[in-house]
Amino acid sequence: MKKFWYILKEMFYMIRTHKLYFLAPLFLLFVILALLVFYIGPSVIISFIYAGI
């Protein structure tokens, strides 16, 4: 979990220093999706991918 926070901190540092503010919502979406896959389990997410939703 320590690596996760380090990567998250580095992403927001990159956004701040290079003024890529349009990437912030995309990174937040990826973080939320990663947390959902981690806590819910990949089998639920895979069923949505196969269904084409």
PDB file of N, CA and C in Angstrom:
ATOM      1  N   MET A   1       0.831  -1.192   0.000  1.00  0.00           N
ATOM      2  CA  MET A   1       0.000   0.000   0.000  1.00  0.00           C
ATOM      3  C   MET A   1       0.873   1.252   0.000  1.00  0.00           C
ATOM      4  N   LYS A   2       2.102   1.103   0.483  1.00  0.00           N
ATOM      5  CA  LYS A   2       3.007   2.239   0.513  1.00  0.00           C
ATOM      6  C   LYS A   2       3.378   2.696  -0.899  1.00  0.00           C
ATOM      7  N   LYS A   3       3.540   1.730  -1.810  1.00  0.00           N
ATOM      8  CA  LYS A   3       3.852   2.077  -3.195  1.00  0.00           C
ATOM      9  C   LYS A   3       2.692   2.804  -3.853  1.00  0.00           C
ATOM     10  N   PHE A   4       1.472   2.402  -3.505  1.00  0.00           N
ATOM     11  CA  PHE A   4       0.291   3.045  -4.084  1.00  0.00           C
ATOM     12  C   PHE A   4       0.263   4.529  -3.750  1.00  0.00           C
ATOM     13  N   TRP A   5       0.502   4.857  -2.476  1.00  0.00           N
ATOM     14  CA  TRP A   5       0.484   6.264  -2.073  1.00  0.00           C
ATOM     15  C   TRP A   5       1.638   7.033  -2.713  1.00  0.00           C
ATOM     16  N   TYR A   6       2.784   6.376  -2.891  1.00  0.00           N
ATOM     17  CA  TYR A   6       3.926   7.025  -3.534  1.00  0.00           C
ATOM     18  C   TYR A   6       3.606   7.347  -4.992  1.00  0.00           C
ATOM     19  N   ILE A   7       3.007   6.390  -5.696  1.00  0.00           N
ATOM     20  CA  ILE A   7       2.651   6.616  -7.102  1.00  0.00           C
ATOM     21  C   ILE A   7       1.602   7.710  -7.211  1.00  0.00           C
ATOM     22  N   LEU A   8       0.615   7.697  -6.321  1.00  0.00           N
ATOM     23  CA  LEU A   8      -0.426   8.724  -6.328  1.00  0.00           C
ATOM     24  C   LEU A   8       0.167  10.103  -6.074  1.00  0.00           C
ATOM     25  N   LYS A   9       1.092  10.175  -5.125  1.00  0.00           N
ATOM     26  CA  LYS A   9       1.747  11.453  -4.820  1.00  0.00           C
ATOM     27  C   LYS A   9       2.557  11.950  -6.019  1.00  0.00           C
ATOM     28  N   GLU A  10       3.254  11.052  -6.684  1.00  0.00           N
ATOM     29  CA  GLU A  10       4.056  11.430  -7.851  1.00  0.00           C
ATOM     30  C   GLU A  10       3.175  11.891  -9.010  1.00  0.00           C
ATOM     31  N   MET A  11       2.017  11.259  -9.194  1.00  0.00           N
ATOM     32  CA  MET A  11       1.121  11.680 -10.273  1.00  0.00           C
ATOM     33  C   MET A  11       0.623  13.102 -10.044  1.00  0.00           C
ATOM     34  N   PHE A  12       0.209  13.400  -8.812  1.00  0.00           N
ATOM     35  CA  PHE A  12      -0.280  14.746  -8.557  1.00  0.00           C
ATOM     36  C   PHE A  12       0.839  15.777  -8.569  1.00  0.00           C
ATOM     37  N   TYR A  13       2.063  15.359  -8.232  1.00  0.00           N
ATOM     38  CA  TYR A  13       3.208  16.260  -8.350  1.00  0.00           C
ATOM     39  C   TYR A  13       3.460  16.587  -9.821  1.00  0.00           C
ATOM     40  N   MET A  14       3.360  15.584 -10.693  1.00  0.00           N
ATOM     41  CA  MET A  14       3.550  15.798 -12.121  1.00  0.00           C
ATOM     42  C   MET A  14       2.472  16.732 -12.673  1.00  0.00           C
ATOM     43  N   ILE A  15       1.231  16.529 -12.233  1.00  0.00           N
ATOM     44  CA  ILE A  15       0.140  17.386 -12.700  1.00  0.00           C
ATOM     45  C   ILE A  15       0.388  18.837 -12.286  1.00  0.00           C
ATOM     46  N   ARG A  16       0.826  19.014 -11.046  1.00  0.00           N
ATOM     47  CA  ARG A  16       1.051  20.360 -10.534  1.00  0.00           C
ATOM     48  C   ARG A  16       2.233  21.043 -11.212  1.00  0.00           C
ATOM     49  N   THR A  17       3.355  20.345 -11.389  1.00  0.00           N
ATOM     50  CA  THR A  17       4.545  20.989 -11.932  1.00  0.00           C
ATOM     51  C   THR A  17       4.435  21.262 -13.422  1.00  0.00           C
ATOM     52  N   HIS A  18       3.794  20.370 -14.178  1.00  0.00           N
ATOM     53  CA  HIS A  18       3.687  20.544 -15.625  1.00  0.00           C
ATOM     54  C   HIS A  18       2.377  21.184 -16.053  1.00  0.00           C
ATOM     55  N   LYS A  19       1.552  21.560 -15.082  1.00  0.00           N
ATOM     56  CA  LYS A  19       0.266  22.225 -15.324  1.00  0.00           C
ATOM     57  C   LYS A  19      -0.626  21.417 -16.280  1.00  0.00           C
ATOM     58  N   LEU A  20      -0.730  20.135 -16.009  1.00  0.00           N
ATOM     59  CA  LEU A  20      -1.589  19.241 -16.789  1.00  0.00           C
ATOM     60  C   LEU A  20      -2.870  18.975 -16.012  1.00  0.00           C
ATOM     61  N   TYR A  21      -3.594  20.032 -15.711  1.00  0.00           N
ATOM     62  CA  TYR A  21      -4.765  19.911 -14.858  1.00  0.00           C
ATOM     63  C   TYR A  21      -5.890  19.104 -15.480  1.00  0.00           C
ATOM     64  N   PHE A  22      -5.894  18.985 -16.801  1.00  0.00           N
ATOM     65  CA  PHE A  22      -6.940  18.204 -17.449  1.00  0.00           C
ATOM     66  C   PHE A  22      -6.766  16.711 -17.197  1.00  0.00           C
ATOM     67  N   LEU A  23      -5.587  16.275 -16.736  1.00  0.00           N
ATOM     68  CA  LEU A  23      -5.357  14.868 -16.451  1.00  0.00           C
ATOM     69  C   LEU A  23      -5.839  14.449 -15.069  1.00  0.00           C
ATOM     70  N   ALA A  24      -6.097  15.382 -14.191  1.00  0.00           N
ATOM     71  CA  ALA A  24      -6.498  15.058 -12.817  1.00  0.00           C
ATOM     72  C   ALA A  24      -7.783  14.221 -12.768  1.00  0.00           C
ATOM     73  N   PRO A  25      -8.845  14.586 -13.483  1.00  0.00           N
ATOM     74  CA  PRO A  25     -10.044  13.728 -13.428  1.00  0.00           C
ATOM     75  C   PRO A  25      -9.802  12.330 -13.982  1.00  0.00           C
ATOM     76  N   LEU A  26      -8.959  12.216 -14.990  1.00  0.00           N
ATOM     77  CA  LEU A  26      -8.646  10.907 -15.549  1.00  0.00           C
ATOM     78  C   LEU A  26      -7.897  10.044 -14.539  1.00  0.00           C
ATOM     79  N   PHE A  27      -6.927  10.612 -13.855  1.00  0.00           N
ATOM     80  CA  PHE A  27      -6.193   9.874 -12.834  1.00  0.00           C
ATOM     81  C   PHE A  27      -7.105   9.479 -11.676  1.00  0.00           C
ATOM     82  N   LEU A  28      -7.997  10.369 -11.284  1.00  0.00           N
ATOM     83  CA  LEU A  28      -8.933  10.036 -10.207  1.00  0.00           C
ATOM     84  C   LEU A  28      -9.862   8.897 -10.611  1.00  0.00           C
ATOM     85  N   LEU A  29     -10.284   8.891 -11.856  1.00  0.00           N
ATOM     86  CA  LEU A  29     -11.123   7.804 -12.355  1.00  0.00           C
ATOM     87  C   LEU A  29     -10.366   6.476 -12.320  1.00  0.00           C
ATOM     88  N   PHE A  30      -9.097   6.486 -12.717  1.00  0.00           N
ATOM     89  CA  PHE A  30      -8.289   5.274 -12.672  1.00  0.00           C
ATOM     90  C   PHE A  30      -8.067   4.796 -11.245  1.00  0.00           C
ATOM     91  N   VAL A  31      -7.882   5.716 -10.322  1.00  0.00           N
ATOM     92  CA  VAL A  31      -7.690   5.342  -8.920  1.00  0.00           C
ATOM     93  C   VAL A  31      -8.962   4.711  -8.358  1.00  0.00           C
ATOM     94  N   ILE A  32     -10.105   5.302  -8.653  1.00  0.00           N
ATOM     95  CA  ILE A  32     -11.373   4.747  -8.174  1.00  0.00           C
ATOM     96  C   ILE A  32     -11.618   3.365  -8.774  1.00  0.00           C
ATOM     97  N   LEU A  33     -11.325   3.214 -10.058  1.00  0.00           N
ATOM     98  CA  LEU A  33     -11.492   1.914 -10.700  1.00  0.00           C
ATOM     99  C   LEU A  33     -10.553   0.880 -10.102  1.00  0.00           C
ATOM    100  N   ALA A  34      -9.324   1.254  -9.827  1.00  0.00           N
ATOM    101  CA  ALA A  34      -8.363   0.322  -9.223  1.00  0.00           C
ATOM    102  C   ALA A  34      -8.813  -0.085  -7.827  1.00  0.00           C
ATOM    103  N   LEU A  35      -9.323   0.846  -7.051  1.00  0.00           N
ATOM    104  CA  LEU A  35      -9.810   0.509  -5.711  1.00  0.00           C
ATOM    105  C   LEU A  35     -11.028  -0.409  -5.772  1.00  0.00           C
ATOM    106  N   LEU A  36     -11.902  -0.168  -6.739  1.00  0.00           N
ATOM    107  CA  LEU A  36     -13.057  -1.051  -6.893  1.00  0.00           C
ATOM    108  C   LEU A  36     -12.634  -2.467  -7.251  1.00  0.00           C
ATOM    109  N   VAL A  37     -11.691  -2.591  -8.163  1.00  0.00           N
ATOM    110  CA  VAL A  37     -11.218  -3.918  -8.550  1.00  0.00           C
ATOM    111  C   VAL A  37     -10.540  -4.593  -7.367  1.00  0.00           C
ATOM    112  N   PHE A  38      -9.813  -3.835  -6.576  1.00  0.00           N
ATOM    113  CA  PHE A  38      -9.093  -4.416  -5.452  1.00  0.00           C
ATOM    114  C   PHE A  38     -10.048  -4.885  -4.364  1.00  0.00           C
ATOM    115  N   TYR A  39     -11.055  -4.077  -4.034  1.00  0.00           N
ATOM    116  CA  TYR A  39     -11.941  -4.420  -2.924  1.00  0.00           C
ATOM    117  C   TYR A  39     -13.090  -5.340  -3.327  1.00  0.00           C
ATOM    118  N   ILE A  40     -13.673  -5.132  -4.484  1.00  0.00           N
ATOM    119  CA  ILE A  40     -14.809  -5.947  -4.910  1.00  0.00           C
ATOM    120  C   ILE A  40     -14.325  -7.280  -5.475  1.00  0.00           C
ATOM    121  N   GLY A  41     -13.270  -7.233  -6.226  1.00  0.00           N
ATOM    122  CA  GLY A  41     -12.750  -8.447  -6.851  1.00  0.00           C
ATOM    123  C   GLY A  41     -12.840  -8.328  -8.353  1.00  0.00           C
ATOM    124  N   PRO A  42     -11.888  -8.892  -9.041  1.00  0.00           N
ATOM    125  CA  PRO A  42     -11.873  -8.746 -10.499  1.00  0.00           C
ATOM    126  C   PRO A  42     -12.989  -9.512 -11.205  1.00  0.00           C
ATOM    127  N   SER A  43     -13.566 -10.514 -10.577  1.00  0.00           N
ATOM    128  CA  SER A  43     -14.584 -11.312 -11.260  1.00  0.00           C
ATOM    129  C   SER A  43     -15.827 -10.487 -11.579  1.00  0.00           C
ATOM    130  N   VAL A  44     -16.173  -9.547 -10.720  1.00  0.00           N
ATOM    131  CA  VAL A  44     -17.350  -8.709 -10.970  1.00  0.00           C
ATOM    132  C   VAL A  44     -17.087  -7.765 -12.133  1.00  0.00           C
ATOM    133  N   ILE A  45     -15.920  -7.171 -12.168  1.00  0.00           N
ATOM    134  CA  ILE A  45     -15.570  -6.225 -13.240  1.00  0.00           C
ATOM    135  C   ILE A  45     -15.458  -6.958 -14.581  1.00  0.00           C
ATOM    136  N   ILE A  46     -14.893  -8.155 -14.581  1.00  0.00           N
ATOM    137  CA  ILE A  46     -14.735  -8.923 -15.809  1.00  0.00           C
ATOM    138  C   ILE A  46     -16.092  -9.286 -16.398  1.00  0.00           C
ATOM    139  N   SER A  47     -17.067  -9.549 -15.569  1.00  0.00           N
ATOM    140  CA  SER A  47     -18.395  -9.873 -16.098  1.00  0.00           C
ATOM    141  C   SER A  47     -19.005  -8.680 -16.827  1.00  0.00           C
ATOM    142  N   PHE A  48     -18.742  -7.450 -16.378  1.00  0.00           N
ATOM    143  CA  PHE A  48     -19.222  -6.277 -17.096  1.00  0.00           C
ATOM    144  C   PHE A  48     -18.491  -6.101 -18.413  1.00  0.00           C
ATOM    145  N   ILE A  49     -17.221  -6.425 -18.453  1.00  0.00           N
ATOM    146  CA  ILE A  49     -16.463  -6.290 -19.700  1.00  0.00           C
ATOM    147  C   ILE A  49     -16.973  -7.289 -20.733  1.00  0.00           C
ATOM    148  N   TYR A  50     -17.229  -8.533 -20.322  1.00  0.00           N
ATOM    149  CA  TYR A  50     -17.728  -9.533 -21.250  1.00  0.00           C
ATOM    150  C   TYR A  50     -19.151  -9.201 -21.716  1.00  0.00           C
ATOM    151  N   ALA A  51     -19.922  -8.548 -20.874  1.00  0.00           N
ATOM    152  CA  ALA A  51     -21.288  -8.203 -21.259  1.00  0.00           C
ATOM    153  C   ALA A  51     -21.299  -7.032 -22.248  1.00  0.00           C
ATOM    154  N   GLY A  52     -20.210  -6.278 -22.329  1.00  0.00           N
ATOM    155  CA  GLY A  52     -20.141  -5.155 -23.264  1.00  0.00           C
ATOM    156  C   GLY A  52     -20.714  -3.889 -22.714  1.00  0.00           C
ATOM    157  N   ILE A  53     -20.792  -3.775 -21.400  1.00  0.00           N
ATOM    158  CA  ILE A  53     -21.332  -2.558 -20.783  1.00  0.00           C
ATOM    159  C   ILE A  53     -20.214  -1.579 -20.580  1.00  0.00           C
TER     160      ILE A  53
END
